[in-house]
C-alpha cells in the first residue's frame, strides 16, 4: 500500500463538529479574539474576556447549530451566498 499524503480519513460522524480541545470553531474564534484584546489592553478586558466566554457558551448551548454565522449575517458582517440582504423586504426570484 502506497502512503498518499492527499488522502484523508473520512469522519466517523458527519454531524460531529470540528473541535480544538473542547472548543468548536466558532467558540475558538470568539476565545482567541477576546483573549487577544485582553492581552493587549489588560485589566478591564480580562473581565470582558471571561464574561464573553461564559455568555457565548451558555447562549450557544440553547441555540441551534450555525448560531454565530446567522448572528453575523443579521449584523451585516457576512453575506450568505444566494440569499437576499437581511433587511430587504421585497425581492423577486
Protein backbone atom coordinates (compact mmCIF):
# COMPACT_ATOMS: atom_id res chain seq x y z
CA UNK A 1 0.00 0.00 0.00
CA UNK A 2 1.32 3.38 -1.01
CA UNK A 3 1.01 6.19 1.52
CA UNK A 4 -0.69 9.10 -0.23
CA UNK A 5 -0.33 12.46 1.54
CA UNK A 6 -3.51 13.79 -0.07
CA UNK A 7 -5.81 11.08 1.28
CA UNK A 8 -7.70 11.90 4.47
CA UNK A 9 -9.73 9.58 6.63
CA UNK A 10 -13.50 10.04 6.32
CA UNK A 11 -15.03 11.28 9.62
CA UNK A 12 -16.98 8.73 11.62
CA UNK A 13 -19.91 11.08 12.30
CA UNK A 14 -20.90 13.76 9.77
CA UNK A 15 -22.81 15.78 12.35
CA UNK A 16 -19.87 15.91 14.75
CA UNK A 17 -18.39 19.43 14.62
CA UNK A 18 -14.66 20.05 14.29
CA UNK A 19 -13.13 20.77 17.71
CA UNK A 20 -9.85 22.07 19.07
CA UNK A 21 -9.56 20.94 22.70
CA UNK A 22 -13.13 21.46 23.96
CA UNK A 23 -13.91 24.44 21.70
CA UNK A 24 -15.86 24.27 18.46
CA UNK A 25 -14.60 26.53 15.67
CA UNK A 26 -16.92 29.47 16.40
CA UNK A 27 -16.13 29.34 20.12
CA UNK A 28 -12.43 29.23 19.31
CA UNK A 29 -12.71 32.37 17.18
CA UNK A 30 -14.51 34.26 19.97
CA UNK A 31 -11.99 32.93 22.50
CA UNK A 32 -8.91 33.95 20.52
CA UNK A 33 -10.30 37.37 19.58
CA UNK A 34 -11.26 38.25 23.16
CA UNK A 35 -8.00 36.79 24.51
CA UNK A 36 -6.02 38.97 22.10
CA UNK A 37 -7.90 42.06 23.26
CA UNK A 38 -7.35 41.11 26.90
CA UNK A 39 -3.61 40.63 26.36
CA UNK A 40 -3.27 43.95 24.54
CA UNK A 41 -5.45 46.17 26.75
CA UNK A 42 -5.28 44.31 30.07
CA UNK A 43 -7.24 44.93 33.31
CA UNK A 44 -10.87 45.58 32.34
CA UNK A 45 -10.63 43.47 29.18
CA UNK A 46 -9.89 40.36 31.25
CA UNK A 47 -13.32 40.72 32.84
CA UNK A 48 -14.82 41.16 29.35
CA UNK A 49 -12.87 38.07 28.20
CA UNK A 50 -14.35 35.81 30.87
CA UNK A 51 -17.87 37.25 30.56
CA UNK A 52 -17.81 36.86 26.77
CA UNK A 53 -16.77 33.22 27.02
CA UNK A 54 -19.32 32.44 29.69
CA UNK A 55 -22.31 34.07 28.00
CA UNK A 56 -21.46 32.94 24.46
CA UNK A 57 -21.03 29.30 25.51
CA UNK A 58 -24.20 29.43 27.61
CA UNK A 59 -26.19 31.00 24.74
CA UNK A 60 -24.75 28.60 22.17
CA UNK A 61 -25.99 25.57 24.09
CA UNK A 62 -29.56 26.90 23.88
CA UNK A 63 -29.47 27.80 20.17
CA UNK A 64 -29.35 25.62 17.02
CA UNK A 65 -26.17 24.94 15.04
CA UNK A 66 -24.87 27.79 12.91
CA UNK A 67 -25.86 30.36 15.52
CA UNK A 68 -22.76 32.56 15.08
CA UNK A 69 -22.97 32.64 11.28
CA UNK A 70 -26.60 33.75 11.44
CA UNK A 71 -25.84 36.43 14.03
CA UNK A 72 -23.04 37.77 11.80
CA UNK A 73 -25.48 37.75 8.86
CA UNK A 74 -28.09 39.72 10.82
CA UNK A 75 -25.47 42.28 11.87
CA UNK A 76 -24.33 42.66 8.26
CA UNK A 77 -20.77 41.31 8.65
CA UNK A 78 -21.29 38.22 6.48
CA UNK A 79 -23.07 37.76 3.16
CA UNK A 80 -24.77 34.41 2.60
CA UNK A 81 -24.48 33.09 -0.91
CA UNK A 82 -27.75 33.13 -2.92
CA UNK A 83 -29.68 34.87 -0.12
CA UNK A 84 -31.14 38.39 -0.17
CA UNK A 85 -29.93 41.12 2.18
CA UNK A 86 -31.28 40.69 5.72
CA UNK A 87 -33.16 44.00 5.74
CA UNK A 88 -34.59 43.62 2.23
CA UNK A 89 -38.39 43.47 2.50
CA UNK A 90 -39.37 42.67 -1.11
CA UNK A 91 -37.40 40.67 -3.67
CA UNK A 92 -38.10 38.81 -6.90
CA UNK A 93 -36.86 35.29 -7.54
